[in-house]
Each structure stands twice: as C-alpha cells, then as structure tokens.
C-alpha cells in the first residue's frame, strides 16, 4: 500500500481534526502518501481530492469541526453511484481509505470494502451509539458542554425558583442525556431507552417542591419525542399539570461545536494512528474501537448488526442521587 485516502462524513464531532492529524502524520511516518477526500463520500463521487502533508495538519488538533468538511451523500447508497466513486479512487491511485464518522458513515465504509476498496473505520459521533467501542470521538467534549450549560441554568433556576427543561442531542440514544444529567445533578432524566409517564414526572416535581426544593432541572434526550421538540412537548405537559413556571432550553448544535477536550484529542490521536497502521498492514473491513484502555479491531458486521445498550445501573444511580 502506497497511497491512502481519508474522509470525514455525517455529523461533525469535536476531535475529528485530531484524528485526521494523527492519520496523516502516521501515514507519512510509514512512507505513505495521504490524500484528503473533501466533503465525505460526496468527494469520492466528485473526485474532490487533495494531498495532505505534515504542514497541512499542523495546528488543527485543538480545532473543532473537520478541515475535510462533511456532507451527507444519499446518492452514495446507490451501487451505480458507488461505482463512479470507486473509479475516481482507483484513478487517483488510492489503495485504501480511513473513514471517520458514525453509524451511517461506517455503513458506507462497509459497502466500499465489499466492493474492493479496503477501508478501516474510526467511530466519531457525539451520540456514542456505535457498538464495539466504549467511547466515540466527540462524546466527552459534548458532555462537558452539556454539564457547563446545566451549571449555568441551575444558577438561574435557583434564583427564580423555576423548573427548567433542557433538551440534549443524541438521536435515538440517551447516553448524553443520562451522563450529562448525572454529572450535572439533574432531578429528572428522560431517555428513549426507558419508558416514561409525564404524569408521574409532574408528580415527582410537585413532591420535590413540597420537600423544599427551590428549583428542578429535567434533562430530556431529543429521541424521546418524534413529532417536534422533546423539551417543548415535556414542558407544555408539565406546565398544564403542576402550574409552576416552566422554562425550556434546547442546547442544539452547540453540543457539537467548540474545541475538543483532552480526552477526545487523546483517543482521536490513538484511533487515527492505529487505523493507518492496520490499513497499511493489510487489515480492512474493521473499525478501531476503544475497549477499556486498549484499541481493538471490530468487524463491520459486528458493529453494524448490534445496538449499543445504555448502562441501566447508571440510570438507577442517577435516580437515586436526584432525591
């Protein structure tokens, strides 16, 4: 293997640039030419490629987002379109590709791999919903943003004696809501993995006020409600039930922005370098996963056929500590 490509796809997550930097520098150390593929799989389709050198990735480890940009490419799901992409990669002399992203990105990597282009994946999504890795790139930074936001909201909630409903991202995973709520001291946490009853939530808040609580914070995962804002849905119901002042905050995409934490920079650097090593040694069809403190290879078939589960002991702990 002499020339490898690297791309980022799907939603951006803090630490992607650290992974790009590590992959490029590890590739150069192994004597490889590294080609950046711009705009994710769209860049494969259009041939938007550029060689990356050590200087090109200098000073990006601390930057959020991705210097390669990221764009969803629905056309890439079509075999005919993927054939065009493979032809572009072959014409550029690219022998294999390091792919950085979440579930959908890894499915694209698996498709390329099956059609003759060796790929190794790196999990990067703030949702932390990828099977086979304890943590994905970007999760720690997003959690820090959530906790910092909850700290600020609690100050206002305490001063005004109000209930705040805070909506966090995560798609159909409640990981950010659970860990953010646990770390931020939320009184109630609602996640897609656990059934909830808003009448019971209202009663819990009412009893909290009776016990002398002067404010309440309810953290809700966006995935608990499919027809609009989960926070506004919950907030409207609670206001009707308890009659107290309710304020709603939707943190939104600010959770995906900002400089990556030390933890995200560290795992991104490790995963990026290891992916290039494995690819250059002939490995493909795998994702690099963080398991414990070790980097392990996980076959795409395992990653994409199983769902990552929430640790219910942590959910019960959060309920206990919220009293």
C-alpha atoms as a PDB file:
ATOM      1  CA  UNK A   1       0.000   0.000   0.000  1.00  0.00           C
ATOM      2  CA  UNK A   2       1.471   3.323  -1.130  1.00  0.00           C
ATOM      3  CA  UNK A   3      -1.380   5.804  -1.099  1.00  0.00           C
ATOM      4  CA  UNK A   4      -4.349   6.065   1.269  1.00  0.00           C
ATOM      5  CA  UNK A   5      -7.343   8.367   1.425  1.00  0.00           C
ATOM      6  CA  UNK A   6      -9.030   9.815   4.491  1.00  0.00           C
ATOM      7  CA  UNK A   7     -12.520  11.275   4.824  1.00  0.00           C
ATOM      8  CA  UNK A   8     -14.980  12.503   7.445  1.00  0.00           C
ATOM      9  CA  UNK A   9     -18.692  12.013   6.924  1.00  0.00           C
ATOM     10  CA  UNK A  10     -22.016  12.584   8.675  1.00  0.00           C
ATOM     11  CA  UNK A  11     -22.378  14.956  11.597  1.00  0.00           C
ATOM     12  CA  UNK A  12     -19.186  16.624  12.761  1.00  0.00           C
ATOM     13  CA  UNK A  13     -17.825  15.891  16.221  1.00  0.00           C
ATOM     14  CA  UNK A  14     -15.027  17.559  18.225  1.00  0.00           C
ATOM     15  CA  UNK A  15     -11.818  15.605  17.741  1.00  0.00           C
ATOM     16  CA  UNK A  16     -12.217  14.731  14.070  1.00  0.00           C
ATOM     17  CA  UNK A  17      -9.338  17.053  13.221  1.00  0.00           C
ATOM     18  CA  UNK A  18      -7.140  15.367  15.817  1.00  0.00           C
ATOM     19  CA  UNK A  19      -7.861  12.022  14.124  1.00  0.00           C
ATOM     20  CA  UNK A  20      -7.051  13.477  10.686  1.00  0.00           C
ATOM     21  CA  UNK A  21      -3.797  14.899  12.012  1.00  0.00           C
ATOM     22  CA  UNK A  22      -2.780  11.585  13.559  1.00  0.00           C
ATOM     23  CA  UNK A  23      -3.654   9.634  10.419  1.00  0.00           C
ATOM     24  CA  UNK A  24      -1.689  11.954   8.147  1.00  0.00           C
ATOM     25  CA  UNK A  25       1.405  12.013  10.357  1.00  0.00           C
ATOM     26  CA  UNK A  26       1.314   8.267  10.954  1.00  0.00           C
ATOM     27  CA  UNK A  27       0.945   7.735   7.226  1.00  0.00           C
ATOM     28  CA  UNK A  28       3.954   9.916   6.492  1.00  0.00           C
ATOM     29  CA  UNK A  29       5.962   8.034   9.116  1.00  0.00           C
ATOM     30  CA  UNK A  30       5.161   4.814   7.249  1.00  0.00           C
ATOM     31  CA  UNK A  31       6.152   6.296   3.898  1.00  0.00           C
ATOM     32  CA  UNK A  32       2.583   6.615   2.600  1.00  0.00           C
ATOM     33  CA  UNK A  33       1.052   9.370   0.513  1.00  0.00           C
ATOM     34  CA  UNK A  34      -2.117  10.592   2.231  1.00  0.00           C
ATOM     35  CA  UNK A  35      -4.980  12.038   0.216  1.00  0.00           C
ATOM     36  CA  UNK A  36      -7.710  14.071   1.860  1.00  0.00           C
ATOM     37  CA  UNK A  37     -11.174  13.427   0.424  1.00  0.00           C
ATOM     38  CA  UNK A  38     -13.234  16.581   0.856  1.00  0.00           C
ATOM     39  CA  UNK A  39     -16.933  16.622   1.802  1.00  0.00           C
ATOM     40  CA  UNK A  40     -17.135  12.971   2.799  1.00  0.00           C
ATOM     41  CA  UNK A  41     -18.479  10.457   0.308  1.00  0.00           C
ATOM     42  CA  UNK A  42     -19.550  13.343  -1.901  1.00  0.00           C
ATOM     43  CA  UNK A  43     -15.847  13.972  -2.511  1.00  0.00           C
ATOM     44  CA  UNK A  44     -15.457  10.369  -3.699  1.00  0.00           C
ATOM     45  CA  UNK A  45     -18.266  10.937  -6.200  1.00  0.00           C
ATOM     46  CA  UNK A  46     -16.890  14.244  -7.496  1.00  0.00           C
ATOM     47  CA  UNK A  47     -13.180  13.483  -7.213  1.00  0.00           C
ATOM     48  CA  UNK A  48     -12.585  16.340  -4.771  1.00  0.00           C
ATOM     49  CA  UNK A  49      -9.192  15.133  -3.546  1.00  0.00           C
ATOM     50  CA  UNK A  50      -6.027  16.803  -2.263  1.00  0.00           C
ATOM     51  CA  UNK A  51      -2.742  15.542  -0.928  1.00  0.00           C
ATOM     52  CA  UNK A  52      -2.144  16.249   2.750  1.00  0.00           C
ATOM     53  CA  UNK A  53       1.293  16.812   4.219  1.00  0.00           C
ATOM     54  CA  UNK A  54       2.507  17.281   7.759  1.00  0.00           C
ATOM     55  CA  UNK A  55       2.236  21.064   7.488  1.00  0.00           C
ATOM     56  CA  UNK A  56      -1.362  20.818   6.252  1.00  0.00           C
ATOM     57  CA  UNK A  57      -2.427  19.310   9.567  1.00  0.00           C
ATOM     58  CA  UNK A  58      -0.271  21.493  11.786  1.00  0.00           C
ATOM     59  CA  UNK A  59      -2.247  23.391  14.419  1.00  0.00           C
ATOM     60  CA  UNK A  60      -5.557  21.587  13.900  1.00  0.00           C
ATOM     61  CA  UNK A  61      -5.526  19.279  16.938  1.00  0.00           C
ATOM     62  CA  UNK A  62      -7.286  21.911  19.030  1.00  0.00           C
ATOM     63  CA  UNK A  63      -9.899  22.821  16.407  1.00  0.00           C
ATOM     64  CA  UNK A  64     -13.468  21.552  16.365  1.00  0.00           C
ATOM     65  CA  UNK A  65     -15.245  20.551  13.165  1.00  0.00           C
ATOM     66  CA  UNK A  66     -13.260  18.983  10.340  1.00  0.00           C
ATOM     67  CA  UNK A  67     -10.839  20.530   7.848  1.00  0.00           C
ATOM     68  CA  UNK A  68     -12.029  17.979   5.267  1.00  0.00           C
ATOM     69  CA  UNK A  69     -15.625  19.164   5.701  1.00  0.00           C
ATOM     70  CA  UNK A  70     -18.518  16.774   5.996  1.00  0.00           C
ATOM     71  CA  UNK A  71     -21.565  16.356   3.817  1.00  0.00           C
ATOM     72  CA  UNK A  72     -24.241  13.695   3.643  1.00  0.00           C
ATOM     73  CA  UNK A  73     -24.337  11.913   0.271  1.00  0.00           C
ATOM     74  CA  UNK A  74     -27.602   9.953  -0.182  1.00  0.00           C
ATOM     75  CA  UNK A  75     -26.562   9.041  -3.742  1.00  0.00           C
ATOM     76  CA  UNK A  76     -23.664   7.019  -2.343  1.00  0.00           C
ATOM     77  CA  UNK A  77     -26.162   4.368  -1.228  1.00  0.00           C
ATOM     78  CA  UNK A  78     -26.775   3.528  -4.895  1.00  0.00           C
ATOM     79  CA  UNK A  79     -24.441   0.903  -6.320  1.00  0.00           C
ATOM     80  CA  UNK A  80     -24.182   2.750  -9.641  1.00  0.00           C
ATOM     81  CA  UNK A  81     -23.012   5.914  -7.857  1.00  0.00           C
ATOM     82  CA  UNK A  82     -20.546   3.983  -5.719  1.00  0.00           C
ATOM     83  CA  UNK A  83     -19.067   2.553  -8.910  1.00  0.00           C
ATOM     84  CA  UNK A  84     -18.277   6.116 -10.006  1.00  0.00           C
ATOM     85  CA  UNK A  85     -16.690   6.811  -6.637  1.00  0.00           C
ATOM     86  CA  UNK A  86     -14.555   3.673  -6.816  1.00  0.00           C
ATOM     87  CA  UNK A  87     -13.404   4.624 -10.294  1.00  0.00           C
ATOM     88  CA  UNK A  88     -12.335   8.055  -9.018  1.00  0.00           C
ATOM     89  CA  UNK A  89     -10.416   6.479  -6.147  1.00  0.00           C
ATOM     90  CA  UNK A  90      -8.735   3.980  -8.468  1.00  0.00           C
ATOM     91  CA  UNK A  91      -7.765   6.689 -10.959  1.00  0.00           C
ATOM     92  CA  UNK A  92      -6.178   8.639  -8.090  1.00  0.00           C
ATOM     93  CA  UNK A  93      -4.178   5.544  -7.144  1.00  0.00           C
ATOM     94  CA  UNK A  94      -5.738   5.293  -3.694  1.00  0.00           C
ATOM     95  CA  UNK A  95      -5.163   1.822  -2.256  1.00  0.00           C
ATOM     96  CA  UNK A  96      -7.345   2.140   0.858  1.00  0.00           C
ATOM     97  CA  UNK A  97      -9.383   4.650   2.850  1.00  0.00           C
ATOM     98  CA  UNK A  98      -9.599   5.633   6.510  1.00  0.00           C
ATOM     99  CA  UNK A  99     -13.200   6.623   7.206  1.00  0.00           C
ATOM    100  CA  UNK A 100     -14.193   8.775  10.202  1.00  0.00           C
ATOM    101  CA  UNK A 101     -17.793   9.100  11.341  1.00  0.00           C
ATOM    102  CA  UNK A 102     -20.827   7.457  12.886  1.00  0.00           C
ATOM    103  CA  UNK A 103     -23.167   4.616  12.020  1.00  0.00           C
ATOM    104  CA  UNK A 104     -24.119   5.793   8.524  1.00  0.00           C
ATOM    105  CA  UNK A 105     -20.509   6.593   7.688  1.00  0.00           C
ATOM    106  CA  UNK A 106     -19.398   3.120   8.730  1.00  0.00           C
ATOM    107  CA  UNK A 107     -22.099   1.555   6.562  1.00  0.00           C
ATOM    108  CA  UNK A 108     -20.635   3.426   3.599  1.00  0.00           C
ATOM    109  CA  UNK A 109     -17.182   2.148   4.552  1.00  0.00           C
ATOM    110  CA  UNK A 110     -18.508  -1.396   4.685  1.00  0.00           C
ATOM    111  CA  UNK A 111     -20.035  -1.009   1.206  1.00  0.00           C
ATOM    112  CA  UNK A 112     -16.739   0.258  -0.220  1.00  0.00           C
ATOM    113  CA  UNK A 113     -14.861  -2.569   1.436  1.00  0.00           C
ATOM    114  CA  UNK A 114     -17.199  -5.193  -0.005  1.00  0.00           C
ATOM    115  CA  UNK A 115     -16.708  -3.731  -3.470  1.00  0.00           C
ATOM    116  CA  UNK A 116     -12.944  -3.929  -3.390  1.00  0.00           C
ATOM    117  CA  UNK A 117     -11.725  -0.744  -1.705  1.00  0.00           C
ATOM    118  CA  UNK A 118     -10.041  -1.605   1.633  1.00  0.00           C
ATOM    119  CA  UNK A 119     -11.326   0.578   4.450  1.00  0.00           C
ATOM    120  CA  UNK A 120     -10.774   0.949   8.185  1.00  0.00           C
ATOM    121  CA  UNK A 121     -13.259   2.953  10.235  1.00  0.00           C
ATOM    122  CA  UNK A 122     -12.901   5.332  13.166  1.00  0.00           C
ATOM    123  CA  UNK A 123     -16.032   5.993  15.293  1.00  0.00           C
ATOM    124  CA  UNK A 124     -16.742   9.705  15.638  1.00  0.00           C
ATOM    125  CA  UNK A 125     -20.140  10.916  16.824  1.00  0.00           C
ATOM    126  CA  UNK A 126     -21.302  12.767  19.915  1.00  0.00           C
ATOM    127  CA  UNK A 127     -24.172  10.272  20.278  1.00  0.00           C
ATOM    128  CA  UNK A 128     -21.880   7.446  21.485  1.00  0.00           C
ATOM    129  CA  UNK A 129     -24.238   4.956  19.843  1.00  0.00           C
ATOM    130  CA  UNK A 130     -21.694   2.854  17.920  1.00  0.00           C
ATOM    131  CA  UNK A 131     -21.352  -0.756  19.021  1.00  0.00           C
ATOM    132  CA  UNK A 132     -17.855  -2.074  19.675  1.00  0.00           C
ATOM    133  CA  UNK A 133     -16.321   0.990  21.311  1.00  0.00           C
ATOM    134  CA  UNK A 134     -16.728   2.343  24.824  1.00  0.00           C
ATOM    135  CA  UNK A 135     -16.437   5.921  23.612  1.00  0.00           C
ATOM    136  CA  UNK A 136     -16.669   7.612  20.246  1.00  0.00           C
ATOM    137  CA  UNK A 137     -14.725  10.730  19.302  1.00  0.00           C
ATOM    138  CA  UNK A 138     -16.558  13.877  20.394  1.00  0.00           C
ATOM    139  CA  UNK A 139     -18.646  12.458  23.239  1.00  0.00           C
ATOM    140  CA  UNK A 140     -16.536  13.802  26.080  1.00  0.00           C
ATOM    141  CA  UNK A 141     -16.490  17.325  24.657  1.00  0.00           C
ATOM    142  CA  UNK A 142     -20.247  17.282  24.115  1.00  0.00           C
ATOM    143  CA  UNK A 143     -20.809  16.081  27.686  1.00  0.00           C
ATOM    144  CA  UNK A 144     -18.642  18.871  29.064  1.00  0.00           C
ATOM    145  CA  UNK A 145     -20.705  21.377  27.088  1.00  0.00           C
ATOM    146  CA  UNK A 146     -23.935  19.918  28.478  1.00  0.00           C
ATOM    147  CA  UNK A 147     -22.677  19.942  32.069  1.00  0.00           C
ATOM    148  CA  UNK A 148     -21.389  23.516  31.788  1.00  0.00           C
ATOM    149  CA  UNK A 149     -24.775  24.546  30.416  1.00  0.00           C
ATOM    150  CA  UNK A 150     -26.619  22.792  33.247  1.00  0.00           C
ATOM    151  CA  UNK A 151     -24.395  24.548  35.791  1.00  0.00           C
ATOM    152  CA  UNK A 152     -25.360  27.920  34.338  1.00  0.00           C
ATOM    153  CA  UNK A 153     -29.027  27.027  34.073  1.00  0.00           C
ATOM    154  CA  UNK A 154     -29.071  25.832  37.687  1.00  0.00           C
ATOM    155  CA  UNK A 155     -27.872  29.258  38.826  1.00  0.00           C
ATOM    156  CA  UNK A 156     -30.827  30.915  37.125  1.00  0.00           C
ATOM    157  CA  UNK A 157     -33.267  28.199  38.175  1.00  0.00           C
ATOM    158  CA  UNK A 158     -32.238  28.613  41.802  1.00  0.00           C
ATOM    159  CA  UNK A 159     -32.546  32.389  41.712  1.00  0.00           C
ATOM    160  CA  UNK A 160     -36.003  32.331  40.105  1.00  0.00           C
ATOM    161  CA  UNK A 161     -37.339  29.147  41.770  1.00  0.00           C
ATOM    162  CA  UNK A 162     -38.391  27.604  38.495  1.00  0.00           C
ATOM    163  CA  UNK A 163     -38.298  24.291  36.676  1.00  0.00           C
ATOM    164  CA  UNK A 164     -36.093  24.137  33.601  1.00  0.00           C
ATOM    165  CA  UNK A 165     -36.476  21.551  30.847  1.00  0.00           C
ATOM    166  CA  UNK A 166     -33.196  21.052  28.975  1.00  0.00           C
ATOM    167  CA  UNK A 167     -33.106  19.127  25.699  1.00  0.00           C
ATOM    168  CA  UNK A 168     -29.859  17.492  24.580  1.00  0.00           C
ATOM    169  CA  UNK A 169     -28.870  15.733  21.369  1.00  0.00           C
ATOM    170  CA  UNK A 170     -28.202  12.040  20.819  1.00  0.00           C
ATOM    171  CA  UNK A 171     -30.672  10.893  18.139  1.00  0.00           C
ATOM    172  CA  UNK A 172     -32.171   7.650  19.470  1.00  0.00           C
ATOM    173  CA  UNK A 173     -29.527   7.227  22.158  1.00  0.00           C
ATOM    174  CA  UNK A 174     -29.967   8.586  25.668  1.00  0.00           C
ATOM    175  CA  UNK A 175     -26.263   8.491  26.530  1.00  0.00           C
ATOM    176  CA  UNK A 176     -25.678  12.259  26.523  1.00  0.00           C
ATOM    177  CA  UNK A 177     -28.866  12.900  28.484  1.00  0.00           C
ATOM    178  CA  UNK A 178     -28.032  10.206  31.042  1.00  0.00           C
ATOM    179  CA  UNK A 179     -24.383  11.093  31.618  1.00  0.00           C
ATOM    180  CA  UNK A 180     -24.961  14.834  31.268  1.00  0.00           C
ATOM    181  CA  UNK A 181     -27.869  14.711  33.698  1.00  0.00           C
ATOM    182  CA  UNK A 182     -25.981  12.513  36.153  1.00  0.00           C
ATOM    183  CA  UNK A 183     -22.914  14.751  36.075  1.00  0.00           C
ATOM    184  CA  UNK A 184     -24.974  17.945  36.110  1.00  0.00           C
ATOM    185  CA  UNK A 185     -27.167  16.936  39.047  1.00  0.00           C
ATOM    186  CA  UNK A 186     -30.486  16.879  37.167  1.00  0.00           C
ATOM    187  CA  UNK A 187     -33.571  15.922  39.174  1.00  0.00           C
ATOM    188  CA  UNK A 188     -35.211  14.055  36.282  1.00  0.00           C
ATOM    189  CA  UNK A 189     -33.698  12.397  33.193  1.00  0.00           C
ATOM    190  CA  UNK A 190     -35.815  11.135  30.292  1.00  0.00           C
ATOM    191  CA  UNK A 191     -34.195   8.869  27.687  1.00  0.00           C
ATOM    192  CA  UNK A 192     -35.556   6.822  24.743  1.00  0.00           C
ATOM    193  CA  UNK A 193     -34.404   3.533  26.264  1.00  0.00           C
ATOM    194  CA  UNK A 194     -36.715   3.843  29.288  1.00  0.00           C
ATOM    195  CA  UNK A 195     -40.496   4.303  29.166  1.00  0.00           C
ATOM    196  CA  UNK A 196     -41.735   7.411  30.917  1.00  0.00           C
ATOM    197  CA  UNK A 197     -45.029   8.800  32.161  1.00  0.00           C
ATOM    198  CA  UNK A 198     -45.289  12.573  32.215  1.00  0.00           C
ATOM    199  CA  UNK A 199     -47.988  12.491  34.864  1.00  0.00           C
ATOM    200  CA  UNK A 200     -45.538  10.667  37.117  1.00  0.00           C
ATOM    201  CA  UNK A 201     -42.815  13.198  36.241  1.00  0.00           C
ATOM    202  CA  UNK A 202     -45.181  16.022  37.166  1.00  0.00           C
ATOM    203  CA  UNK A 203     -45.952  14.368  40.484  1.00  0.00           C
ATOM    204  CA  UNK A 204     -42.218  13.877  41.137  1.00  0.00           C
ATOM    205  CA  UNK A 205     -41.578  17.587  40.551  1.00  0.00           C
ATOM    206  CA  UNK A 206     -44.546  18.537  42.731  1.00  0.00           C
ATOM    207  CA  UNK A 207     -43.284  16.334  45.576  1.00  0.00           C
ATOM    208  CA  UNK A 208     -39.836  17.846  45.194  1.00  0.00           C
ATOM    209  CA  UNK A 209     -41.213  21.315  45.746  1.00  0.00           C
ATOM    210  CA  UNK A 210     -43.164  20.056  48.774  1.00  0.00           C
ATOM    211  CA  UNK A 211     -39.897  18.723  50.238  1.00  0.00           C
ATOM    212  CA  UNK A 212     -38.401  22.188  49.959  1.00  0.00           C
ATOM    213  CA  UNK A 213     -36.601  22.111  46.602  1.00  0.00           C
ATOM    214  CA  UNK A 214     -36.481  25.600  45.161  1.00  0.00           C
ATOM    215  CA  UNK A 215     -35.783  24.568  41.588  1.00  0.00           C
ATOM    216  CA  UNK A 216     -35.846  21.485  39.369  1.00  0.00           C
ATOM    217  CA  UNK A 217     -33.918  20.579  36.242  1.00  0.00           C
ATOM    218  CA  UNK A 218     -35.299  17.995  33.836  1.00  0.00           C
ATOM    219  CA  UNK A 219     -32.916  16.712  31.141  1.00  0.00           C
ATOM    220  CA  UNK A 220     -34.594  15.138  28.120  1.00  0.00           C
ATOM    221  CA  UNK A 221     -33.000  13.348  25.177  1.00  0.00           C
ATOM    222  CA  UNK A 222     -34.212  14.573  21.794  1.00  0.00           C
ATOM    223  CA  UNK A 223     -35.127  10.990  20.859  1.00  0.00           C
ATOM    224  CA  UNK A 224     -37.969  10.626  23.371  1.00  0.00           C
ATOM    225  CA  UNK A 225     -40.362  12.513  21.064  1.00  0.00           C
ATOM    226  CA  UNK A 226     -40.592  12.176  17.289  1.00  0.00           C
ATOM    227  CA  UNK A 227     -43.008  14.959  16.354  1.00  0.00           C
ATOM    228  CA  UNK A 228     -41.064  18.068  17.300  1.00  0.00           C
ATOM    229  CA  UNK A 229     -39.052  19.407  20.193  1.00  0.00           C
ATOM    230  CA  UNK A 230     -38.965  16.928  23.055  1.00  0.00           C
ATOM    231  CA  UNK A 231     -38.328  19.710  25.569  1.00  0.00           C
ATOM    232  CA  UNK A 232     -41.298  21.816  24.459  1.00  0.00           C
ATOM    233  CA  UNK A 233     -43.535  18.748  24.475  1.00  0.00           C
ATOM    234  CA  UNK A 234     -42.496  17.838  28.020  1.00  0.00           C
ATOM    235  CA  UNK A 235     -42.564  21.459  29.172  1.00  0.00           C
ATOM    236  CA  UNK A 236     -46.094  22.072  27.920  1.00  0.00           C
ATOM    237  CA  UNK A 237     -47.396  18.942  29.621  1.00  0.00           C
ATOM    238  CA  UNK A 238     -45.733  19.738  32.942  1.00  0.00           C
ATOM    239  CA  UNK A 239     -46.949  23.332  32.916  1.00  0.00           C
ATOM    240  CA  UNK A 240     -50.521  22.114  32.496  1.00  0.00           C
ATOM    241  CA  UNK A 241     -50.119  19.538  35.253  1.00  0.00           C
ATOM    242  CA  UNK A 242     -48.324  21.452  38.006  1.00  0.00           C
ATOM    243  CA  UNK A 243     -48.992  25.089  37.178  1.00  0.00           C
ATOM    244  CA  UNK A 244     -45.461  26.195  38.052  1.00  0.00           C
ATOM    245  CA  UNK A 245     -43.231  28.385  35.944  1.00  0.00           C
ATOM    246  CA  UNK A 246     -41.522  26.239  33.294  1.00  0.00           C
ATOM    247  CA  UNK A 247     -38.628  27.333  31.107  1.00  0.00           C
ATOM    248  CA  UNK A 248     -37.356  25.356  28.114  1.00  0.00           C
ATOM    249  CA  UNK A 249     -33.791  25.303  26.769  1.00  0.00           C
ATOM    250  CA  UNK A 250     -32.752  23.371  23.664  1.00  0.00           C
ATOM    251  CA  UNK A 251     -28.963  23.144  23.579  1.00  0.00           C
ATOM    252  CA  UNK A 252     -28.894  22.059  19.935  1.00  0.00           C
ATOM    253  CA  UNK A 253     -25.763  22.113  17.806  1.00  0.00           C
ATOM    254  CA  UNK A 254     -23.667  23.990  20.345  1.00  0.00           C
ATOM    255  CA  UNK A 255     -23.017  20.496  21.758  1.00  0.00           C
ATOM    256  CA  UNK A 256     -21.130  19.571  18.582  1.00  0.00           C
ATOM    257  CA  UNK A 257     -19.021  22.705  18.477  1.00  0.00           C
ATOM    258  CA  UNK A 258     -16.044  24.033  20.348  1.00  0.00           C
ATOM    259  CA  UNK A 259     -12.516  22.860  20.982  1.00  0.00           C
ATOM    260  CA  UNK A 260     -12.185  19.132  21.720  1.00  0.00           C
ATOM    261  CA  UNK A 261     -11.358  18.078  25.260  1.00  0.00           C
ATOM    262  CA  UNK A 262      -8.036  16.483  26.191  1.00  0.00           C
ATOM    263  CA  UNK A 263      -9.763  13.092  26.301  1.00  0.00           C
ATOM    264  CA  UNK A 264     -11.191  13.469  22.781  1.00  0.00           C
ATOM    265  CA  UNK A 265      -7.857  14.663  21.413  1.00  0.00           C
ATOM    266  CA  UNK A 266      -6.166  11.692  23.014  1.00  0.00           C
ATOM    267  CA  UNK A 267      -8.486   8.947  21.770  1.00  0.00           C
ATOM    268  CA  UNK A 268      -8.737  10.582  18.331  1.00  0.00           C
ATOM    269  CA  UNK A 269      -4.959  10.581  18.035  1.00  0.00           C
ATOM    270  CA  UNK A 270      -4.732   6.942  19.101  1.00  0.00           C
ATOM    271  CA  UNK A 271      -7.550   5.767  16.842  1.00  0.00           C
ATOM    272  CA  UNK A 272      -6.291   7.761  13.834  1.00  0.00           C
ATOM    273  CA  UNK A 273      -2.749   6.438  14.076  1.00  0.00           C
ATOM    274  CA  UNK A 274      -3.843   2.846  14.698  1.00  0.00           C
ATOM    275  CA  UNK A 275      -6.269   2.887  11.761  1.00  0.00           C
ATOM    276  CA  UNK A 276      -3.452   3.823   9.382  1.00  0.00           C
ATOM    277  CA  UNK A 277      -1.143   1.167  10.825  1.00  0.00           C
ATOM    278  CA  UNK A 278      -3.783  -1.542  10.427  1.00  0.00           C
ATOM    279  CA  UNK A 279      -4.716  -0.439   6.919  1.00  0.00           C
ATOM    280  CA  UNK A 280      -1.089  -0.321   5.776  1.00  0.00           C
ATOM    281  CA  UNK A 281      -0.580  -3.838   7.180  1.00  0.00           C
ATOM    282  CA  UNK A 282      -3.390  -5.212   5.031  1.00  0.00           C
ATOM    283  CA  UNK A 283      -6.259  -5.105   7.514  1.00  0.00           C
ATOM    284  CA  UNK A 284      -9.639  -3.909   6.235  1.00  0.00           C
ATOM    285  CA  UNK A 285     -13.331  -4.244   6.931  1.00  0.00           C
ATOM    286  CA  UNK A 286     -12.861  -3.254  10.561  1.00  0.00           C
ATOM    287  CA  UNK A 287     -13.447  -0.335  12.903  1.00  0.00           C
ATOM    288  CA  UNK A 288     -10.981   0.744  15.560  1.00  0.00           C
ATOM    289  CA  UNK A 289     -12.745   0.676  18.937  1.00  0.00           C
ATOM    290  CA  UNK A 290     -11.718   1.852  22.393  1.00  0.00           C
ATOM    291  CA  UNK A 291     -12.353  -1.018  24.808  1.00  0.00           C
ATOM    292  CA  UNK A 292     -11.142  -0.302  28.292  1.00  0.00           C
ATOM    293  CA  UNK A 293      -7.858   1.433  27.605  1.00  0.00           C
ATOM    294  CA  UNK A 294      -6.970  -0.617  24.540  1.00  0.00           C
ATOM    295  CA  UNK A 295      -7.609  -0.128  20.838  1.00  0.00           C
ATOM    296  CA  UNK A 296      -9.329  -3.201  19.375  1.00  0.00           C
ATOM    297  CA  UNK A 297     -10.411  -4.144  15.852  1.00  0.00           C
ATOM    298  CA  UNK A 298     -14.122  -4.830  15.452  1.00  0.00           C
ATOM    299  CA  UNK A 299     -15.541  -6.231  12.204  1.00  0.00           C
ATOM    300  CA  UNK A 300     -18.066  -4.023  10.444  1.00  0.00           C
ATOM    301  CA  UNK A 301     -20.521  -6.930  10.534  1.00  0.00           C
ATOM    302  CA  UNK A 302     -20.465  -6.844  14.350  1.00  0.00           C
ATOM    303  CA  UNK A 303     -20.521  -3.060  14.598  1.00  0.00           C
ATOM    304  CA  UNK A 304     -23.486  -2.638  12.280  1.00  0.00           C
ATOM    305  CA  UNK A 305     -25.600  -5.603  13.340  1.00  0.00           C
ATOM    306  CA  UNK A 306     -25.783  -4.840  17.063  1.00  0.00           C
ATOM    307  CA  UNK A 307     -27.114  -1.947  19.115  1.00  0.00           C
ATOM    308  CA  UNK A 308     -25.146  -0.325  21.889  1.00  0.00           C
ATOM    309  CA  UNK A 309     -27.061  -0.503  25.153  1.00  0.00           C
ATOM    310  CA  UNK A 310     -27.366   2.036  27.928  1.00  0.00           C
ATOM    311  CA  UNK A 311     -25.923   1.038  31.308  1.00  0.00           C
ATOM    312  CA  UNK A 312     -29.096   0.777  33.374  1.00  0.00           C
ATOM    313  CA  UNK A 313     -27.125   0.780  36.635  1.00  0.00           C
ATOM    314  CA  UNK A 314     -26.062   4.334  35.820  1.00  0.00           C
ATOM    315  CA  UNK A 315     -29.681   5.256  35.131  1.00  0.00           C
ATOM    316  CA  UNK A 316     -30.742   3.882  38.523  1.00  0.00           C
ATOM    317  CA  UNK A 317     -27.832   5.698  40.171  1.00  0.00           C
ATOM    318  CA  UNK A 318     -28.946   8.983  38.612  1.00  0.00           C
ATOM    319  CA  UNK A 319     -32.458   8.456  40.024  1.00  0.00           C
ATOM    320  CA  UNK A 320     -31.099   7.684  43.470  1.00  0.00           C
ATOM    321  CA  UNK A 321     -28.823  10.730  43.559  1.00  0.00           C
ATOM    322  CA  UNK A 322     -31.561  13.086  42.343  1.00  0.00           C
ATOM    323  CA  UNK A 323     -33.601  12.755  45.549  1.00  0.00           C
END
